[in-house]
Amino acid sequence: MASSPTDFPVQYFRADDGLELAYREMGAGRPLILIHGLFSNGWVNWIRYGHAQLLADVGFRVIMPDLRGHGESAAPHDAAAYPPDVLAEDGAALVRHLGLSDYDLGGYSLGGRTTLRMLVRGARPRRAILSGMGLAGILDVHQRRGFFRHVLTGLGTHTRGSGAWMAEAFLKTTGGDPQAMLPLLDSFVDTSRAEVSAISMPVLVLSGVDDHDNGSAAELAALLPHGRLAEIPGNHMTSVLRPELGQEIADFLLDVPAA
């Protein structure tokens, strides 16, 4: 496992609205963009627990952005900095910045939803990975947005051991900025069943067997024309720590031809 974020230099690009956003890279070979979840960052989600190293070792250039409001990226508090679908727009800006035309794309939780929104808006990776995400979390963002609004507006008051308390504890470990996260919630956009079923590339839907936070991963995989379901041990908070997460992504990418 990686010892420190400082072991991996941060690079920057400009979003369409001029904000400076960060990303890290590991490895050389076929480009693979991986997007982290809410309250996290690229280093915590992908490097800290060895997933990026595993993927780099099998031939991928792993590119891990910090979403706006997270990590080393700009984190404005002004709601105007978080218009609908802004995270998908930022993802497209990163692809353009890197000059990528042939690449793979994936994400965990919010990163999975952001990946799907990028696909709906025209991104064309050869293959995609939606992890920590189920169909309900794609079709209707209201429930999860409401949960995280509750977390952020009640910091310090949540019952010990509750889901909100654990989410707040995770936010503290990553050093996240609650005043940036709160307006970001309003940028989340629903996706229709028709939009999901129109996605044409192979997609891995990867979930902890006990992860139901965003609905059914199996239902999401079934709605995708070329969806493949894989389950690993753990729930929404613990499956991302498991080596099986990176291994399943590697197995999918090595098994499904890129050309």
Protein backbone atom coordinates (compact mmCIF):
# COMPACT_ATOMS: atom_id res chain seq x y z
CA MET A 1 0.00 0.00 0.00
CA ALA A 2 1.10 3.56 -0.68
CA SER A 3 2.58 5.39 2.27
CA SER A 4 1.66 9.01 1.52
CA PRO A 5 -0.09 11.18 -1.08
CA THR A 6 3.18 13.09 -1.45
CA ASP A 7 4.69 10.00 -3.10
CA PHE A 8 2.57 10.77 -6.16
CA PRO A 9 2.93 14.31 -7.54
CA VAL A 10 -0.26 16.25 -8.22
CA GLN A 11 -0.87 17.60 -11.72
CA TYR A 12 -3.49 20.18 -12.64
CA PHE A 13 -5.85 21.10 -15.46
CA ARG A 14 -8.45 23.81 -15.96
CA ALA A 15 -12.16 23.10 -15.89
CA ASP A 16 -14.40 24.82 -18.42
CA ASP A 17 -15.22 27.52 -15.86
CA GLY A 18 -11.55 28.12 -15.09
CA LEU A 19 -11.27 26.26 -11.77
CA GLU A 20 -8.01 24.43 -11.20
CA LEU A 21 -8.58 20.71 -10.73
CA ALA A 22 -6.07 18.07 -9.66
CA TYR A 23 -5.19 14.58 -10.77
CA ARG A 24 -2.52 11.96 -10.14
CA GLU A 25 -1.14 9.24 -12.39
CA MET A 26 0.46 5.86 -11.87
CA GLY A 27 1.87 3.47 -14.45
CA ALA A 28 2.33 3.54 -18.20
CA GLY A 29 0.30 1.96 -20.96
CA ARG A 30 -3.38 2.11 -21.85
CA PRO A 31 -5.10 5.12 -20.20
CA LEU A 32 -7.65 4.30 -17.50
CA ILE A 33 -9.44 7.16 -15.74
CA LEU A 34 -10.79 6.23 -12.30
CA ILE A 35 -13.04 8.64 -10.38
CA HIS A 36 -13.42 8.54 -6.61
CA GLY A 37 -16.53 8.71 -4.44
CA LEU A 38 -18.08 11.51 -2.39
CA PHE A 39 -16.00 12.70 0.62
CA SER A 40 -12.97 10.82 -0.78
CA ASN A 41 -10.20 11.72 -3.24
CA GLY A 42 -8.13 9.98 -5.87
CA TRP A 43 -5.36 8.95 -3.51
CA VAL A 44 -7.63 7.48 -0.84
CA ASN A 45 -9.97 5.68 -3.22
CA TRP A 46 -7.47 4.21 -5.68
CA ILE A 47 -3.86 4.45 -4.43
CA ARG A 48 -4.01 3.95 -0.68
CA TYR A 49 -5.37 0.39 -0.81
CA GLY A 50 -3.32 -0.80 -3.78
CA HIS A 51 -5.88 -0.77 -6.61
CA ALA A 52 -3.96 1.65 -8.82
CA GLN A 53 -0.70 -0.24 -8.31
CA LEU A 54 -2.32 -3.53 -9.29
CA LEU A 55 -3.72 -1.96 -12.46
CA ALA A 56 -0.43 -0.25 -13.28
CA ASP A 57 1.35 -3.59 -12.86
CA VAL A 58 -0.82 -5.19 -15.57
CA GLY A 59 -0.23 -2.44 -18.09
CA PHE A 60 -2.46 0.57 -17.41
CA ARG A 61 -1.74 4.26 -17.05
CA VAL A 62 -4.09 4.97 -14.16
CA ILE A 63 -5.34 8.57 -14.08
CA MET A 64 -7.10 9.60 -10.87
CA PRO A 65 -8.70 13.05 -10.65
CA ASP A 66 -9.81 14.77 -7.48
CA LEU A 67 -13.38 15.95 -8.08
CA ARG A 68 -14.07 19.64 -7.57
CA GLY A 69 -14.70 20.21 -3.88
CA HIS A 70 -12.37 17.33 -2.98
CA GLY A 71 -8.70 16.62 -2.36
CA GLU A 72 -6.25 18.96 -4.06
CA SER A 73 -8.84 20.39 -6.45
CA ALA A 74 -10.49 23.79 -6.06
CA ALA A 75 -13.27 23.72 -3.47
CA PRO A 76 -15.35 26.91 -3.79
CA HIS A 77 -18.25 27.45 -1.40
CA ASP A 78 -20.36 29.38 -3.90
CA ALA A 79 -23.34 27.36 -5.21
CA ALA A 80 -22.76 28.87 -8.65
CA ALA A 81 -19.63 26.73 -8.95
CA TYR A 82 -21.75 23.55 -8.87
CA PRO A 83 -24.26 23.65 -11.76
CA PRO A 84 -26.08 20.45 -12.78
CA ASP A 85 -23.78 17.73 -14.13
CA VAL A 86 -20.65 19.78 -13.45
CA LEU A 87 -18.67 16.67 -12.46
CA ALA A 88 -19.35 15.06 -15.85
CA GLU A 89 -18.28 18.31 -17.51
CA ASP A 90 -15.06 18.26 -15.50
CA GLY A 91 -14.44 14.67 -16.55
CA ALA A 92 -14.82 15.63 -20.20
CA ALA A 93 -12.41 18.53 -19.66
CA LEU A 94 -9.82 16.13 -18.24
CA VAL A 95 -10.16 13.83 -21.27
CA ARG A 96 -9.60 16.82 -23.56
CA HIS A 97 -6.68 18.09 -21.47
CA LEU A 98 -4.96 14.71 -21.74
CA GLY A 99 -5.76 14.41 -25.46
CA LEU A 100 -7.30 10.97 -25.01
CA SER A 101 -9.23 9.28 -27.79
CA ASP A 102 -8.79 5.62 -26.83
CA TYR A 103 -9.16 5.00 -23.10
CA ASP A 104 -11.18 3.26 -20.39
CA LEU A 105 -13.24 4.97 -17.70
CA GLY A 106 -14.65 4.04 -14.32
CA GLY A 107 -15.50 5.17 -10.84
CA TYR A 108 -16.66 4.24 -7.36
CA SER A 109 -19.99 5.43 -5.88
CA LEU A 110 -20.31 9.09 -6.92
CA GLY A 111 -17.46 8.33 -9.31
CA GLY A 112 -19.56 5.55 -10.81
CA ARG A 113 -22.51 7.88 -11.28
CA THR A 114 -20.20 10.51 -12.74
CA THR A 115 -18.84 7.92 -15.16
CA LEU A 116 -22.35 7.07 -16.28
CA ARG A 117 -23.26 10.74 -16.70
CA MET A 118 -20.16 11.17 -18.86
CA LEU A 119 -21.33 8.26 -21.02
CA VAL A 120 -24.81 9.75 -21.37
CA ARG A 121 -23.29 13.10 -22.35
CA GLY A 122 -21.17 11.57 -25.11
CA ALA A 123 -17.96 10.18 -23.63
CA ARG A 124 -16.84 7.13 -25.60
CA PRO A 125 -14.34 5.02 -23.68
CA ARG A 126 -13.84 1.51 -25.00
CA ARG A 127 -14.94 0.00 -21.66
CA ALA A 128 -16.47 1.36 -18.46
CA ILE A 129 -16.61 0.36 -14.79
CA LEU A 130 -19.45 1.35 -12.44
CA SER A 131 -18.53 0.31 -8.90
CA GLY A 132 -20.33 0.98 -5.64
CA MET A 133 -23.42 1.96 -7.65
CA GLY A 134 -26.86 0.46 -8.21
CA LEU A 135 -29.81 1.26 -10.41
CA ALA A 136 -31.72 3.35 -7.86
CA GLY A 137 -28.69 5.59 -7.36
CA ILE A 138 -28.66 6.25 -11.09
CA LEU A 139 -32.38 6.75 -11.73
CA ASP A 140 -33.16 8.88 -8.66
CA VAL A 141 -30.43 10.85 -6.87
CA HIS A 142 -32.87 12.32 -4.33
CA GLN A 143 -32.47 9.67 -1.63
CA ARG A 144 -28.68 9.69 -1.46
CA ARG A 145 -28.54 13.47 -1.85
CA GLY A 146 -30.91 13.75 1.11
CA PHE A 147 -28.81 11.40 3.20
CA PHE A 148 -25.61 13.36 2.57
CA ARG A 149 -27.34 16.68 3.16
CA HIS A 150 -28.39 15.28 6.54
CA VAL A 151 -24.78 14.27 7.23
CA LEU A 152 -23.34 17.67 6.30
CA THR A 153 -25.92 19.82 8.06
CA GLY A 154 -25.75 17.80 11.29
CA LEU A 155 -22.02 17.43 11.80
CA GLY A 156 -21.20 16.59 15.39
CA THR A 157 -24.75 15.48 16.24
CA HIS A 158 -25.07 12.06 14.61
CA THR A 159 -25.64 8.96 16.73
CA ARG A 160 -22.43 7.02 17.19
CA GLY A 161 -22.34 3.98 14.91
CA SER A 162 -25.10 5.24 12.60
CA GLY A 163 -24.62 5.54 8.84
CA ALA A 164 -24.48 9.32 9.13
CA TRP A 165 -21.90 9.11 11.92
CA MET A 166 -19.71 6.78 9.82
CA ALA A 167 -19.99 9.07 6.80
CA GLU A 168 -18.95 12.03 8.95
CA ALA A 169 -16.02 10.04 10.34
CA PHE A 170 -14.87 9.26 6.81
CA LEU A 171 -15.16 12.93 5.84
CA LYS A 172 -12.89 13.80 8.77
CA THR A 173 -10.28 11.22 7.76
CA THR A 174 -10.04 12.65 4.24
CA GLY A 175 -10.00 16.27 5.38
CA GLY A 176 -12.99 17.11 3.21
CA ASP A 177 -14.54 20.59 3.18
CA PRO A 178 -18.23 20.39 4.19
CA GLN A 179 -18.94 23.89 2.84
CA ALA A 180 -17.86 22.75 -0.61
CA MET A 181 -19.59 19.36 -0.43
CA LEU A 182 -22.99 20.81 0.44
CA PRO A 183 -23.57 22.83 -2.76
CA LEU A 184 -22.04 20.01 -4.80
CA LEU A 185 -24.99 17.79 -3.83
CA ASP A 186 -27.33 19.95 -5.92
CA SER A 187 -25.30 19.22 -9.07
CA PHE A 188 -26.41 15.56 -9.08
CA VAL A 189 -28.64 14.64 -12.03
CA ASP A 190 -31.04 11.73 -12.56
CA THR A 191 -30.54 9.39 -15.51
CA SER A 192 -33.46 7.70 -17.28
CA ARG A 193 -33.83 3.99 -17.97
CA ALA A 194 -33.75 4.76 -21.69
CA GLU A 195 -30.43 6.57 -21.31
CA VAL A 196 -28.93 3.66 -19.38
CA SER A 197 -30.17 1.10 -21.89
CA ALA A 198 -28.64 3.11 -24.77
CA ILE A 199 -25.07 2.72 -23.44
CA SER A 200 -23.34 0.57 -26.02
CA MET A 201 -19.88 -0.30 -24.66
CA PRO A 202 -19.04 -3.20 -22.30
CA VAL A 203 -19.64 -2.14 -18.69
CA LEU A 204 -18.56 -3.86 -15.49
CA VAL A 205 -20.95 -3.27 -12.59
CA LEU A 206 -18.89 -4.05 -9.49
CA SER A 207 -20.36 -4.09 -6.00
CA GLY A 208 -19.81 -5.33 -2.49
CA VAL A 209 -22.16 -8.23 -1.86
CA ASP A 210 -23.61 -6.38 1.14
CA ASP A 211 -23.66 -2.95 -0.52
CA HIS A 212 -27.23 -1.73 -1.05
CA ASP A 213 -26.63 1.99 -0.49
CA ASN A 214 -27.33 2.91 -4.10
CA GLY A 215 -29.84 0.20 -4.92
CA SER A 216 -29.34 -3.01 -6.86
CA ALA A 217 -26.12 -3.49 -8.81
CA ALA A 218 -27.68 -6.55 -10.46
CA GLU A 219 -30.57 -4.48 -11.80
CA LEU A 220 -28.15 -1.90 -13.16
CA ALA A 221 -26.09 -4.58 -14.91
CA ALA A 222 -29.25 -6.13 -16.37
CA LEU A 223 -30.41 -2.82 -17.85
CA LEU A 224 -27.11 -2.20 -19.61
CA PRO A 225 -26.97 -3.91 -23.04
CA HIS A 226 -23.44 -5.18 -22.38
CA GLY A 227 -23.40 -5.12 -18.61
CA ARG A 228 -21.45 -7.61 -16.51
CA LEU A 229 -22.03 -8.01 -12.76
CA ALA A 230 -19.24 -8.84 -10.32
CA GLU A 231 -19.58 -8.97 -6.54
CA ILE A 232 -16.86 -8.86 -3.92
CA PRO A 233 -16.92 -9.09 -0.11
CA GLY A 234 -18.03 -6.07 1.89
CA ASN A 235 -20.51 -3.23 2.04
CA HIS A 236 -20.32 0.30 0.65
CA MET A 237 -17.70 1.44 3.17
CA THR A 238 -15.61 -1.75 3.29
CA SER A 239 -15.58 -3.21 -0.22
CA VAL A 240 -13.43 -0.33 -1.46
CA LEU A 241 -10.73 -1.47 0.97
CA ARG A 242 -10.62 -4.99 -0.46
CA PRO A 243 -7.94 -6.11 -2.94
CA GLU A 244 -10.71 -7.82 -4.89
CA LEU A 245 -11.92 -4.40 -6.09
CA GLY A 246 -8.78 -3.71 -8.11
CA GLN A 247 -8.50 -7.35 -9.16
CA GLU A 248 -12.02 -7.47 -10.61
CA ILE A 249 -11.38 -4.27 -12.57
CA ALA A 250 -8.14 -5.74 -13.92
CA ASP A 251 -9.79 -9.05 -14.79
CA PHE A 252 -12.58 -7.26 -16.69
CA LEU A 253 -10.21 -5.04 -18.65
CA LEU A 254 -7.89 -7.92 -19.51
CA ASP A 255 -10.77 -10.18 -20.51
CA VAL A 256 -12.77 -7.75 -22.69
CA PRO A 257 -10.77 -6.67 -25.76
CA ALA A 258 -10.06 -2.94 -26.04
CA ALA A 259 -10.18 -3.02 -29.83
